[in-house]
Amino acid sequence: MNMFTQDQLKQMVADAARDEVLKNMAPGGVLGIGTGSTANLFIDAIAPHQNHFAGVVSSSQASTDRLKKHGFVVLDSNTVTSLPMYVDGADEIDPKGHMLKGGGGALTREKIVAQLAQSFICICDASKEVGVIGKFPVPVEVIPMAQAQVTRELEQLGGVVTLRKVKGSDQVFVTDNQACILDVAGLKVSDPVSLESEINQIPGVVCNGLFARRKADVLLVGGPEGIRRLVY
């Protein structure tokens, strides 16, 4: 059995996603692209093939900057009505294709782009596969004036709530939307679809990291045996 490092697994799924997109997406379309370390590898892998696409829609400023450096035409999401495909990673994914995302803080924009996509291709390594979502804290993006109130509501759901700080500092993490993120630990998410809706109903919540109503359509997952492709 081959033992791959996590970085090698990420590179393998990024390359597999490039092949998946080039095989299944007609030339001249607009591709949706996510955020994070695996998405970055995908951006680099697809860069030599940028002429295949009329443009891309990105889910974060960081991804936009990386795409522009490679010479991609990055379009505003408001200018497209639909995307054939959206490629992004996940922090957790369950056997039905429900995901937990937002470790990088781009959850709202990721969800907006995912909603535009006909097919959501999730790319990750096997460590992200879980039976039940919830080991990873559920990120909830909130308008700053609602932070304390939303915290109390999330605690009533049984969560342990932490205001996200910039790594290695005491500075509050601010999203691309100028909002903050509450990380909610201790939630065992047996019904991700209803919990996603319930959290979104709390006034002041912009979005949460449960991608259950719009889940993955295809999962490309890298493990010891190489790449597995699952369709939901």
Protein backbone atom coordinates (compact mmCIF):
# COMPACT_ATOMS: atom_id res chain seq x y z
CA MET A 1 0.00 0.00 0.00
CA ASN A 2 1.36 3.42 -0.91
CA MET A 3 1.60 5.90 1.93
CA PHE A 4 1.09 9.41 0.63
CA THR A 5 1.62 12.59 2.66
CA GLN A 6 -1.38 14.89 3.11
CA ASP A 7 0.23 17.37 0.70
CA GLN A 8 0.61 14.63 -1.92
CA LEU A 9 -3.03 13.62 -1.46
CA LYS A 10 -4.14 17.24 -1.92
CA GLN A 11 -2.07 17.49 -5.09
CA MET A 12 -3.57 14.24 -6.40
CA VAL A 13 -7.16 15.41 -5.87
CA ALA A 14 -6.36 18.82 -7.39
CA ASP A 15 -5.03 17.07 -10.51
CA ALA A 16 -8.04 14.73 -10.57
CA ALA A 17 -10.38 17.74 -10.37
CA ARG A 18 -8.56 19.39 -13.28
CA ASP A 19 -9.09 16.24 -15.36
CA GLU A 20 -12.75 15.99 -14.27
CA VAL A 21 -13.45 19.60 -15.28
CA LEU A 22 -11.63 19.45 -18.62
CA LYS A 23 -13.41 16.20 -19.52
CA ASN A 24 -16.94 17.22 -18.51
CA MET A 25 -17.13 20.98 -19.05
CA ALA A 26 -17.57 22.30 -22.58
CA PRO A 27 -15.01 24.92 -23.69
CA GLY A 28 -16.06 28.56 -23.34
CA GLY A 29 -17.92 28.18 -20.04
CA VAL A 30 -17.41 29.91 -16.68
CA LEU A 31 -15.97 27.84 -13.83
CA GLY A 32 -16.60 28.42 -10.12
CA ILE A 33 -13.54 28.09 -7.89
CA GLY A 34 -13.35 27.84 -4.10
CA THR A 35 -10.91 28.79 -1.38
CA GLY A 36 -8.23 27.10 0.71
CA SER A 37 -5.07 25.03 0.36
CA THR A 38 -6.59 22.31 -1.87
CA ALA A 39 -8.40 24.90 -4.02
CA ASN A 40 -5.08 26.73 -4.43
CA LEU A 41 -3.50 23.55 -5.80
CA PHE A 42 -6.46 23.16 -8.16
CA ILE A 43 -6.00 26.75 -9.39
CA ASP A 44 -2.34 26.02 -10.13
CA ALA A 45 -3.24 22.72 -11.85
CA ILE A 46 -5.90 24.29 -14.10
CA ALA A 47 -3.83 27.41 -14.93
CA PRO A 48 -2.18 25.99 -18.10
CA HIS A 49 -5.69 25.29 -19.44
CA GLN A 50 -7.20 28.73 -18.81
CA ASN A 51 -8.08 29.16 -22.49
CA HIS A 52 -10.67 26.40 -21.99
CA PHE A 53 -12.76 28.89 -19.96
CA ALA A 54 -14.44 32.20 -20.80
CA GLY A 55 -13.72 33.16 -17.20
CA VAL A 56 -13.99 32.09 -13.59
CA VAL A 57 -16.03 33.14 -10.56
CA SER A 58 -14.08 33.08 -7.31
CA SER A 59 -15.28 32.66 -3.72
CA SER A 60 -12.69 34.86 -1.99
CA GLN A 61 -10.27 37.72 -2.44
CA ALA A 62 -7.36 35.31 -1.85
CA SER A 63 -8.48 33.00 -4.67
CA THR A 64 -9.19 35.98 -6.93
CA ASP A 65 -5.64 37.28 -6.39
CA ARG A 66 -4.15 33.85 -7.18
CA LEU A 67 -6.32 33.43 -10.29
CA LYS A 68 -5.43 36.89 -11.61
CA LYS A 69 -1.71 36.18 -11.12
CA HIS A 70 -2.17 33.19 -13.42
CA GLY A 71 -3.93 35.42 -15.97
CA PHE A 72 -7.52 34.19 -15.50
CA VAL A 73 -10.46 36.49 -16.27
CA VAL A 74 -12.29 36.71 -12.90
CA LEU A 75 -15.97 37.63 -13.25
CA ASP A 76 -18.32 39.14 -10.68
CA SER A 77 -20.85 36.54 -9.53
CA ASN A 78 -23.65 39.01 -10.31
CA THR A 79 -22.81 38.82 -14.01
CA VAL A 80 -23.53 35.09 -14.36
CA THR A 81 -26.84 33.25 -13.99
CA SER A 82 -25.39 29.74 -13.76
CA LEU A 83 -22.06 27.88 -13.58
CA PRO A 84 -21.58 24.38 -15.03
CA MET A 85 -19.21 23.43 -12.18
CA TYR A 86 -17.88 24.64 -8.84
CA VAL A 87 -14.71 23.08 -7.39
CA ASP A 88 -13.91 23.49 -3.69
CA GLY A 89 -12.60 21.62 -0.67
CA ALA A 90 -14.32 20.78 2.62
CA ASP A 91 -13.39 20.51 6.30
CA GLU A 92 -15.75 17.53 6.72
CA ILE A 93 -18.04 15.54 4.42
CA ASP A 94 -20.56 12.87 5.46
CA PRO A 95 -21.73 9.76 3.54
CA LYS A 96 -24.58 11.72 1.88
CA GLY A 97 -22.37 14.52 0.57
CA HIS A 98 -23.32 17.08 3.23
CA MET A 99 -20.27 19.20 4.00
CA LEU A 100 -18.88 21.43 6.71
CA LYS A 101 -16.84 24.31 5.30
CA GLY A 102 -15.50 27.66 6.41
CA GLY A 103 -12.24 26.85 8.16
CA GLY A 104 -10.66 29.47 5.92
CA GLY A 105 -13.40 32.01 6.59
CA ALA A 106 -14.87 32.26 3.06
CA LEU A 107 -18.06 30.29 3.78
CA THR A 108 -20.62 32.90 2.66
CA ARG A 109 -19.03 33.58 -0.70
CA GLU A 110 -18.40 29.85 -1.17
CA LYS A 111 -22.09 29.20 -0.58
CA ILE A 112 -23.12 31.94 -3.02
CA VAL A 113 -20.94 30.50 -5.80
CA ALA A 114 -21.99 26.92 -4.97
CA GLN A 115 -25.65 27.95 -5.32
CA LEU A 116 -24.93 29.11 -8.89
CA ALA A 117 -23.37 25.79 -9.85
CA GLN A 118 -25.09 22.90 -11.63
CA SER A 119 -22.45 20.53 -10.24
CA PHE A 120 -20.47 20.90 -6.99
CA ILE A 121 -17.21 18.95 -7.10
CA CYS A 122 -15.75 18.53 -3.62
CA ILE A 123 -12.03 17.79 -3.42
CA CYS A 124 -10.37 16.59 -0.23
CA ASP A 125 -8.23 13.90 1.37
CA ALA A 126 -9.73 10.93 3.19
CA SER A 127 -9.20 12.50 6.64
CA LYS A 128 -12.15 14.82 5.87
CA GLU A 129 -14.65 11.94 5.53
CA VAL A 130 -16.80 11.57 8.68
CA GLY A 131 -19.83 9.50 9.68
CA VAL A 132 -21.50 12.49 11.37
CA ILE A 133 -20.54 16.15 10.92
CA GLY A 134 -19.47 18.05 14.02
CA LYS A 135 -15.97 17.15 15.14
CA PHE A 136 -14.83 20.33 13.38
CA PRO A 137 -16.51 23.46 14.86
CA VAL A 138 -19.36 24.87 12.76
CA PRO A 139 -18.38 28.37 11.54
CA VAL A 140 -21.14 31.00 11.66
CA GLU A 141 -20.54 34.37 9.98
CA VAL A 142 -22.32 37.18 11.83
CA ILE A 143 -22.85 40.91 11.59
CA PRO A 144 -20.68 42.37 14.39
CA MET A 145 -23.53 44.11 16.25
CA ALA A 146 -25.28 40.74 16.65
CA GLN A 147 -22.26 38.81 17.90
CA ALA A 148 -23.28 38.55 21.59
CA GLN A 149 -26.93 37.82 20.83
CA VAL A 150 -26.11 35.13 18.24
CA THR A 151 -23.61 33.60 20.68
CA ARG A 152 -26.37 33.16 23.28
CA GLU A 153 -28.69 31.54 20.71
CA LEU A 154 -25.97 29.14 19.56
CA GLU A 155 -25.22 28.20 23.17
CA GLN A 156 -28.89 27.32 23.59
CA LEU A 157 -28.45 24.84 20.70
CA GLY A 158 -25.76 23.15 22.81
CA GLY A 159 -22.71 24.72 21.19
CA VAL A 160 -19.52 26.04 22.78
CA VAL A 161 -18.96 29.34 20.97
CA THR A 162 -15.60 31.03 20.29
CA LEU A 163 -15.09 34.31 18.43
CA ARG A 164 -12.52 33.59 15.70
CA LYS A 165 -9.23 35.46 16.00
CA VAL A 166 -6.48 35.89 13.43
CA LYS A 167 -4.09 32.94 13.87
CA GLY A 168 -1.40 33.72 16.41
CA SER A 169 -2.86 37.06 17.50
CA ASP A 170 -5.58 38.60 19.63
CA GLN A 171 -7.07 40.40 16.66
CA VAL A 172 -10.64 39.49 15.63
CA PHE A 173 -10.77 37.70 12.25
CA VAL A 174 -12.69 39.81 9.70
CA THR A 175 -14.20 38.19 6.60
CA ASP A 176 -14.18 39.58 3.05
CA ASN A 177 -17.72 40.80 3.91
CA GLN A 178 -16.47 42.78 6.95
CA ALA A 179 -18.21 40.39 9.33
CA CYS A 180 -16.87 38.17 12.12
CA ILE A 181 -17.01 34.39 12.62
CA LEU A 182 -18.24 32.41 15.59
CA ASP A 183 -16.85 28.87 15.72
CA VAL A 184 -19.36 26.53 17.37
CA ALA A 185 -17.88 23.36 18.86
CA GLY A 186 -19.76 20.48 20.44
CA LEU A 187 -22.67 20.23 17.99
CA LYS A 188 -23.37 16.68 16.83
CA VAL A 189 -25.03 17.35 13.50
CA SER A 190 -27.35 14.40 12.91
CA ASP A 191 -29.67 16.46 10.66
CA PRO A 192 -27.44 18.95 8.82
CA VAL A 193 -30.21 20.24 6.50
CA SER A 194 -32.50 21.38 9.33
CA LEU A 195 -29.66 22.73 11.50
CA GLU A 196 -28.34 24.77 8.56
CA SER A 197 -31.78 26.40 8.19
CA GLU A 198 -32.24 26.86 11.95
CA ILE A 199 -28.94 28.70 12.39
CA ASN A 200 -29.60 30.88 9.33
CA GLN A 201 -32.90 32.02 10.91
CA ILE A 202 -31.10 33.71 13.84
CA PRO A 203 -31.15 37.50 13.22
CA GLY A 204 -27.65 38.77 12.48
CA VAL A 205 -26.38 35.51 10.98
CA VAL A 206 -25.05 36.05 7.47
CA CYS A 207 -24.40 32.37 6.75
CA ASN A 208 -23.14 29.18 8.38
CA GLY A 209 -20.65 26.54 7.32
CA LEU A 210 -23.11 23.66 6.88
CA PHE A 211 -23.39 22.93 3.15
CA ALA A 212 -26.32 20.53 3.37
CA ARG A 213 -29.14 22.14 1.37
CA ARG A 214 -26.61 22.59 -1.46
CA LYS A 215 -24.40 19.57 -0.95
CA ALA A 216 -21.66 17.98 -3.05
CA ASP A 217 -22.63 16.25 -6.30
CA VAL A 218 -19.24 14.61 -6.86
CA LEU A 219 -16.50 13.87 -4.33
CA LEU A 220 -12.92 13.31 -5.42
CA VAL A 221 -11.12 11.99 -2.35
CA GLY A 222 -7.48 11.07 -2.01
CA GLY A 223 -6.51 8.15 0.23
CA PRO A 224 -3.85 5.45 0.58
CA GLU A 225 -5.25 3.63 -2.46
CA GLY A 226 -5.24 6.76 -4.65
CA ILE A 227 -8.28 8.72 -5.85
CA ARG A 228 -11.85 7.60 -5.29
CA ARG A 229 -14.74 9.25 -7.14
CA LEU A 230 -18.14 9.24 -5.43
CA VAL A 231 -21.37 10.58 -6.91
CA TYR A 232 -24.26 11.61 -4.63
